Amino acid sequence: MKIILLTLLVLSSLMALQTSDRLFDCTEIFKERKSELLVELERIDEQKQALNALKLATEELLKKKQSRLEQKEDLIESKLLEITQKEENTQNILKKNELILEKVKKIKMDKIAQTFAKMKASAAANILSDMDAQKAADILTSLKPKTVGQILTKMDAKKASKLTLILSNF
C-alpha cells in the first residue's frame, strides 16, 4: 500500500508540475496579449485625439462660415432696405411730378379755353374743325356750355356731331 501511495504521490506531483507548466504558459500568453492590447489601446487613443482635433477644427471652420454668412445676410438686408427706401422715394417723387403735370395741363387748358372763349365763334369753329377730334373735344370741355354751343353751330355738321358724341362720353 505504501507503494501505491507513493505512486499516487509521484503521479500527483507530476500532474501538479504539468498544471504549473500550463499555468505558466497561460500567464505568458496573457502577458503577450496584454501588451498587444496596450499597443492597440494607444493607437485607438491617438486616433481619438486626432478625431477630436479634427472635430474642433471643423467646428471652428463652421463657426467662421456661419459668421461670414450672417454678415453677408446683414449686408443684403441693409441693401434691400436701402433699395426699398429709394423705391418709395422714387414713387413719391413720381406722384408729385404727376400732380405737377396735371396742374400744368390744367393751367395750359385753362389758358387755351380763355383764348377760345375770347374768340369769335366762327374763328374758333374753323380752328377746332382742323384739329384732331379728341383734342378739340378736350378744349370744348373746358369752355362754358353757351360758348360750346355757339362754336358747334358754326362748324361743319359732321364734325360737330362727331365732337358732340365725344363730349357726351366725358
C-alpha atoms as a PDB file:
ATOM      1  CA  MET A   1       0.000   0.000   0.000  1.00  0.00           C
ATOM      2  CA  LYS A   2       2.871   2.272   0.617  1.00  0.00           C
ATOM      3  CA  ILE A   3       3.910   1.699  -2.929  1.00  0.00           C
ATOM      4  CA  ILE A   4       0.508   2.678  -4.149  1.00  0.00           C
ATOM      5  CA  LEU A   5       0.549   5.755  -2.016  1.00  0.00           C
ATOM      6  CA  LEU A   6       3.996   6.597  -3.151  1.00  0.00           C
ATOM      7  CA  THR A   7       2.998   6.088  -6.754  1.00  0.00           C
ATOM      8  CA  LEU A   8      -0.030   8.280  -6.255  1.00  0.00           C
ATOM      9  CA  LEU A   9       2.079  10.946  -4.668  1.00  0.00           C
ATOM     10  CA  VAL A  10       4.578  10.874  -7.529  1.00  0.00           C
ATOM     11  CA  LEU A  11       1.757  10.977 -10.045  1.00  0.00           C
ATOM     12  CA  SER A  12       0.147  13.859  -8.199  1.00  0.00           C
ATOM     13  CA  SER A  13       3.372  15.833  -8.214  1.00  0.00           C
ATOM     14  CA  LEU A  14       3.828  15.146 -11.918  1.00  0.00           C
ATOM     15  CA  MET A  15       0.327  16.366 -12.584  1.00  0.00           C
ATOM     16  CA  ALA A  16       0.945  19.395 -10.447  1.00  0.00           C
ATOM     17  CA  LEU A  17       4.086  20.140 -12.463  1.00  0.00           C
ATOM     18  CA  GLN A  18       2.128  19.795 -15.726  1.00  0.00           C
ATOM     19  CA  THR A  19      -0.614  22.049 -14.384  1.00  0.00           C
ATOM     20  CA  SER A  20       2.022  24.519 -13.249  1.00  0.00           C
ATOM     21  CA  ASP A  21       3.591  24.461 -16.726  1.00  0.00           C
ATOM     22  CA  ARG A  22       0.194  25.044 -18.262  1.00  0.00           C
ATOM     23  CA  LEU A  23      -0.442  27.929 -15.894  1.00  0.00           C
ATOM     24  CA  PHE A  24       2.913  29.384 -16.791  1.00  0.00           C
ATOM     25  CA  ASP A  25       2.121  29.071 -20.496  1.00  0.00           C
ATOM     26  CA  CYS A  26      -1.273  30.774 -19.964  1.00  0.00           C
ATOM     27  CA  THR A  27       0.355  33.567 -17.995  1.00  0.00           C
ATOM     28  CA  GLU A  28       2.858  34.148 -20.809  1.00  0.00           C
ATOM     29  CA  ILE A  29       0.050  34.190 -23.362  1.00  0.00           C
ATOM     30  CA  PHE A  30      -1.928  36.651 -21.224  1.00  0.00           C
ATOM     31  CA  LYS A  31       1.135  38.902 -20.846  1.00  0.00           C
ATOM     32  CA  GLU A  32       1.712  38.900 -24.604  1.00  0.00           C
ATOM     33  CA  ARG A  33      -1.947  39.578 -25.268  1.00  0.00           C
ATOM     34  CA  LYS A  34      -1.921  42.317 -22.631  1.00  0.00           C
ATOM     35  CA  SER A  35       0.980  44.075 -24.357  1.00  0.00           C
ATOM     36  CA  GLU A  36      -0.789  43.749 -27.733  1.00  0.00           C
ATOM     37  CA  LEU A  37      -3.938  45.209 -26.226  1.00  0.00           C
ATOM     38  CA  LEU A  38      -1.978  48.086 -24.686  1.00  0.00           C
ATOM     39  CA  VAL A  39      -0.446  48.894 -28.080  1.00  0.00           C
ATOM     40  CA  GLU A  40      -3.890  48.745 -29.687  1.00  0.00           C
ATOM     41  CA  LEU A  41      -5.299  50.955 -26.909  1.00  0.00           C
ATOM     42  CA  GLU A  42      -2.571  53.556 -27.522  1.00  0.00           C
ATOM     43  CA  ARG A  43      -3.344  53.508 -31.248  1.00  0.00           C
ATOM     44  CA  ILE A  44      -7.072  53.963 -30.525  1.00  0.00           C
ATOM     45  CA  ASP A  45      -6.281  56.798 -28.113  1.00  0.00           C
ATOM     46  CA  GLU A  46      -4.149  58.545 -30.765  1.00  0.00           C
ATOM     47  CA  GLN A  47      -6.954  58.180 -33.310  1.00  0.00           C
ATOM     48  CA  LYS A  48      -9.427  59.520 -30.765  1.00  0.00           C
ATOM     49  CA  GLN A  49      -7.233  62.569 -30.165  1.00  0.00           C
ATOM     50  CA  ALA A  50      -6.828  63.124 -33.914  1.00  0.00           C
ATOM     51  CA  LEU A  51     -10.586  62.823 -34.356  1.00  0.00           C
ATOM     52  CA  ASN A  52     -11.209  65.335 -31.557  1.00  0.00           C
ATOM     53  CA  ALA A  53      -8.721  67.753 -33.138  1.00  0.00           C
ATOM     54  CA  LEU A  54     -10.460  67.345 -36.493  1.00  0.00           C
ATOM     55  CA  LYS A  55     -13.839  67.876 -34.840  1.00  0.00           C
ATOM     56  CA  LEU A  56     -12.655  71.084 -33.163  1.00  0.00           C
ATOM     57  CA  ALA A  57     -11.144  72.381 -36.407  1.00  0.00           C
ATOM     58  CA  THR A  58     -14.354  71.584 -38.285  1.00  0.00           C
ATOM     59  CA  GLU A  59     -16.488  73.323 -35.656  1.00  0.00           C
ATOM     60  CA  GLU A  60     -14.226  76.385 -35.796  1.00  0.00           C
ATOM     61  CA  LEU A  61     -14.435  76.479 -39.585  1.00  0.00           C
ATOM     62  CA  LEU A  62     -18.213  76.115 -39.408  1.00  0.00           C
ATOM     63  CA  LYS A  63     -18.430  78.988 -36.917  1.00  0.00           C
ATOM     64  CA  LYS A  64     -16.348  81.216 -39.211  1.00  0.00           C
ATOM     65  CA  LYS A  65     -18.507  80.354 -42.214  1.00  0.00           C
ATOM     66  CA  GLN A  66     -21.670  80.957 -40.199  1.00  0.00           C
ATOM     67  CA  SER A  67     -20.305  84.331 -39.091  1.00  0.00           C
ATOM     68  CA  ARG A  68     -19.484  85.322 -42.682  1.00  0.00           C
ATOM     69  CA  LEU A  69     -22.911  84.161 -43.813  1.00  0.00           C
ATOM     70  CA  GLU A  70     -24.598  86.272 -41.129  1.00  0.00           C
ATOM     71  CA  GLN A  71     -22.512  89.291 -42.152  1.00  0.00           C
ATOM     72  CA  LYS A  72     -23.496  88.836 -45.781  1.00  0.00           C
ATOM     73  CA  GLU A  73     -27.156  88.402 -44.806  1.00  0.00           C
ATOM     74  CA  ASP A  74     -26.982  91.637 -42.787  1.00  0.00           C
ATOM     75  CA  LEU A  75     -25.409  93.416 -45.755  1.00  0.00           C
ATOM     76  CA  ILE A  76     -28.106  92.100 -48.087  1.00  0.00           C
ATOM     77  CA  GLU A  77     -30.854  93.149 -45.671  1.00  0.00           C
ATOM     78  CA  SER A  78     -29.399  96.657 -45.368  1.00  0.00           C
ATOM     79  CA  LYS A  79     -29.103  96.944 -49.167  1.00  0.00           C
ATOM     80  CA  LEU A  80     -32.661  95.686 -49.574  1.00  0.00           C
ATOM     81  CA  LEU A  81     -33.883  98.236 -47.037  1.00  0.00           C
ATOM     82  CA  GLU A  82     -31.948 100.963 -48.849  1.00  0.00           C
ATOM     83  CA  ILE A  83     -33.416  99.901 -52.200  1.00  0.00           C
ATOM     84  CA  THR A  84     -36.912  99.813 -50.716  1.00  0.00           C
ATOM     85  CA  GLN A  85     -36.489 103.315 -49.332  1.00  0.00           C
ATOM     86  CA  LYS A  86     -35.174 104.587 -52.658  1.00  0.00           C
ATOM     87  CA  GLU A  87     -38.085 102.951 -54.445  1.00  0.00           C
ATOM     88  CA  GLU A  88     -40.545 104.604 -52.047  1.00  0.00           C
ATOM     89  CA  ASN A  89     -38.820 107.961 -52.583  1.00  0.00           C
ATOM     90  CA  THR A  90     -38.980 107.461 -56.336  1.00  0.00           C
ATOM     91  CA  GLN A  91     -42.687 106.607 -56.138  1.00  0.00           C
ATOM     92  CA  ASN A  92     -43.322 109.713 -54.033  1.00  0.00           C
ATOM     93  CA  ILE A  93     -41.405 111.892 -56.484  1.00  0.00           C
ATOM     94  CA  LEU A  94     -43.293 110.297 -59.367  1.00  0.00           C
ATOM     95  CA  LYS A  95     -46.635 111.054 -57.690  1.00  0.00           C
ATOM     96  CA  LYS A  96     -45.576 114.643 -57.061  1.00  0.00           C
ATOM     97  CA  ASN A  97     -44.474 115.003 -60.676  1.00  0.00           C
ATOM     98  CA  GLU A  98     -47.772 113.586 -61.903  1.00  0.00           C
ATOM     99  CA  LEU A  99     -49.643 116.099 -59.757  1.00  0.00           C
ATOM    100  CA  ILE A 100     -47.483 118.924 -61.091  1.00  0.00           C
ATOM    101  CA  LEU A 101     -48.017 117.690 -64.655  1.00  0.00           C
ATOM    102  CA  GLU A 102     -51.781 117.621 -64.105  1.00  0.00           C
ATOM    103  CA  LYS A 103     -51.648 121.171 -62.749  1.00  0.00           C
ATOM    104  CA  VAL A 104     -49.590 122.307 -65.732  1.00  0.00           C
ATOM    105  CA  LYS A 105     -52.034 120.627 -68.117  1.00  0.00           C
ATOM    106  CA  LYS A 106     -54.962 122.267 -66.331  1.00  0.00           C
ATOM    107  CA  ILE A 107     -53.312 125.683 -66.459  1.00  0.00           C
ATOM    108  CA  LYS A 108     -52.488 125.162 -70.114  1.00  0.00           C
ATOM    109  CA  MET A 109     -56.049 124.036 -70.882  1.00  0.00           C
ATOM    110  CA  ASP A 110     -57.455 126.999 -68.933  1.00  0.00           C
ATOM    111  CA  LYS A 111     -55.336 129.392 -70.997  1.00  0.00           C
ATOM    112  CA  ILE A 112     -56.416 127.709 -74.215  1.00  0.00           C
ATOM    113  CA  ALA A 113     -60.016 127.818 -73.031  1.00  0.00           C
ATOM    114  CA  GLN A 114     -59.661 131.511 -72.214  1.00  0.00           C
ATOM    115  CA  THR A 115     -58.233 132.124 -75.674  1.00  0.00           C
ATOM    116  CA  PHE A 116     -61.076 130.271 -77.383  1.00  0.00           C
ATOM    117  CA  ALA A 117     -63.638 131.964 -75.123  1.00  0.00           C
ATOM    118  CA  LYS A 118     -62.388 135.354 -76.278  1.00  0.00           C
ATOM    119  CA  MET A 119     -62.538 134.383 -79.981  1.00  0.00           C
ATOM    120  CA  LYS A 120     -65.500 134.773 -82.199  1.00  0.00           C
ATOM    121  CA  ALA A 121     -67.455 131.524 -82.564  1.00  0.00           C
ATOM    122  CA  SER A 122     -66.791 131.240 -86.321  1.00  0.00           C
ATOM    123  CA  ALA A 123     -62.988 131.640 -85.882  1.00  0.00           C
ATOM    124  CA  ALA A 124     -62.937 129.093 -83.049  1.00  0.00           C
ATOM    125  CA  ALA A 125     -65.075 126.707 -85.133  1.00  0.00           C
ATOM    126  CA  ASN A 126     -62.627 126.957 -88.079  1.00  0.00           C
ATOM    127  CA  ILE A 127     -59.619 126.229 -85.849  1.00  0.00           C
ATOM    128  CA  LEU A 128     -61.300 123.362 -83.993  1.00  0.00           C
ATOM    129  CA  SER A 129     -62.530 121.823 -87.262  1.00  0.00           C
ATOM    130  CA  ASP A 130     -58.945 121.448 -88.444  1.00  0.00           C
ATOM    131  CA  MET A 131     -57.801 119.839 -85.154  1.00  0.00           C
ATOM    132  CA  ASP A 132     -57.879 116.224 -84.069  1.00  0.00           C
ATOM    133  CA  ALA A 133     -61.369 115.431 -82.762  1.00  0.00           C
ATOM    134  CA  GLN A 134     -60.183 114.296 -79.330  1.00  0.00           C
ATOM    135  CA  LYS A 135     -58.064 117.401 -78.751  1.00  0.00           C
ATOM    136  CA  ALA A 136     -60.860 119.624 -79.980  1.00  0.00           C
ATOM    137  CA  ALA A 137     -63.260 117.884 -77.560  1.00  0.00           C
ATOM    138  CA  ASP A 138     -60.784 118.434 -74.706  1.00  0.00           C
ATOM    139  CA  ILE A 139     -60.753 122.141 -75.464  1.00  0.00           C
ATOM    140  CA  LEU A 140     -64.546 122.303 -75.763  1.00  0.00           C
ATOM    141  CA  THR A 141     -64.996 120.623 -72.343  1.00  0.00           C
ATOM    142  CA  SER A 142     -63.112 123.462 -70.703  1.00  0.00           C
ATOM    143  CA  LEU A 143     -65.417 126.079 -72.206  1.00  0.00           C
ATOM    144  CA  LYS A 144     -68.789 127.242 -70.947  1.00  0.00           C
ATOM    145  CA  PRO A 145     -71.754 125.374 -72.478  1.00  0.00           C
ATOM    146  CA  LYS A 146     -73.074 128.545 -74.137  1.00  0.00           C
ATOM    147  CA  THR A 147     -69.729 129.117 -75.889  1.00  0.00           C
ATOM    148  CA  VAL A 148     -69.537 125.436 -76.934  1.00  0.00           C
ATOM    149  CA  GLY A 149     -72.995 125.699 -78.459  1.00  0.00           C
ATOM    150  CA  GLN A 150     -72.079 128.837 -80.436  1.00  0.00           C
ATOM    151  CA  ILE A 151     -68.884 127.183 -81.752  1.00  0.00           C
ATOM    152  CA  LEU A 152     -70.629 123.924 -82.715  1.00  0.00           C
ATOM    153  CA  THR A 153     -73.291 125.827 -84.678  1.00  0.00           C
ATOM    154  CA  LYS A 154     -70.589 127.467 -86.791  1.00  0.00           C
ATOM    155  CA  MET A 155     -68.915 124.092 -87.617  1.00  0.00           C
ATOM    156  CA  ASP A 156     -69.498 121.572 -90.347  1.00  0.00           C
ATOM    157  CA  ALA A 157     -72.402 119.331 -89.263  1.00  0.00           C
ATOM    158  CA  LYS A 158     -70.385 116.074 -89.478  1.00  0.00           C
ATOM    159  CA  LYS A 159     -67.522 117.449 -87.401  1.00  0.00           C
ATOM    160  CA  ALA A 160     -69.965 118.976 -84.898  1.00  0.00           C
ATOM    161  CA  SER A 161     -71.821 115.668 -84.490  1.00  0.00           C
ATOM    162  CA  LYS A 162     -68.538 113.784 -84.019  1.00  0.00           C
ATOM    163  CA  LEU A 163     -67.426 116.252 -81.349  1.00  0.00           C
ATOM    164  CA  THR A 164     -70.828 116.045 -79.688  1.00  0.00           C
ATOM    165  CA  LEU A 165     -70.518 112.250 -79.428  1.00  0.00           C
ATOM    166  CA  ILE A 166     -67.074 112.580 -77.893  1.00  0.00           C
ATOM    167  CA  LEU A 167     -68.328 115.250 -75.476  1.00  0.00           C
ATOM    168  CA  SER A 168     -71.236 113.036 -74.431  1.00  0.00           C
ATOM    169  CA  ASN A 169     -68.743 110.346 -73.300  1.00  0.00           C
ATOM    170  CA  PHE A 170     -66.947 112.710 -70.903  1.00  0.00           C
END
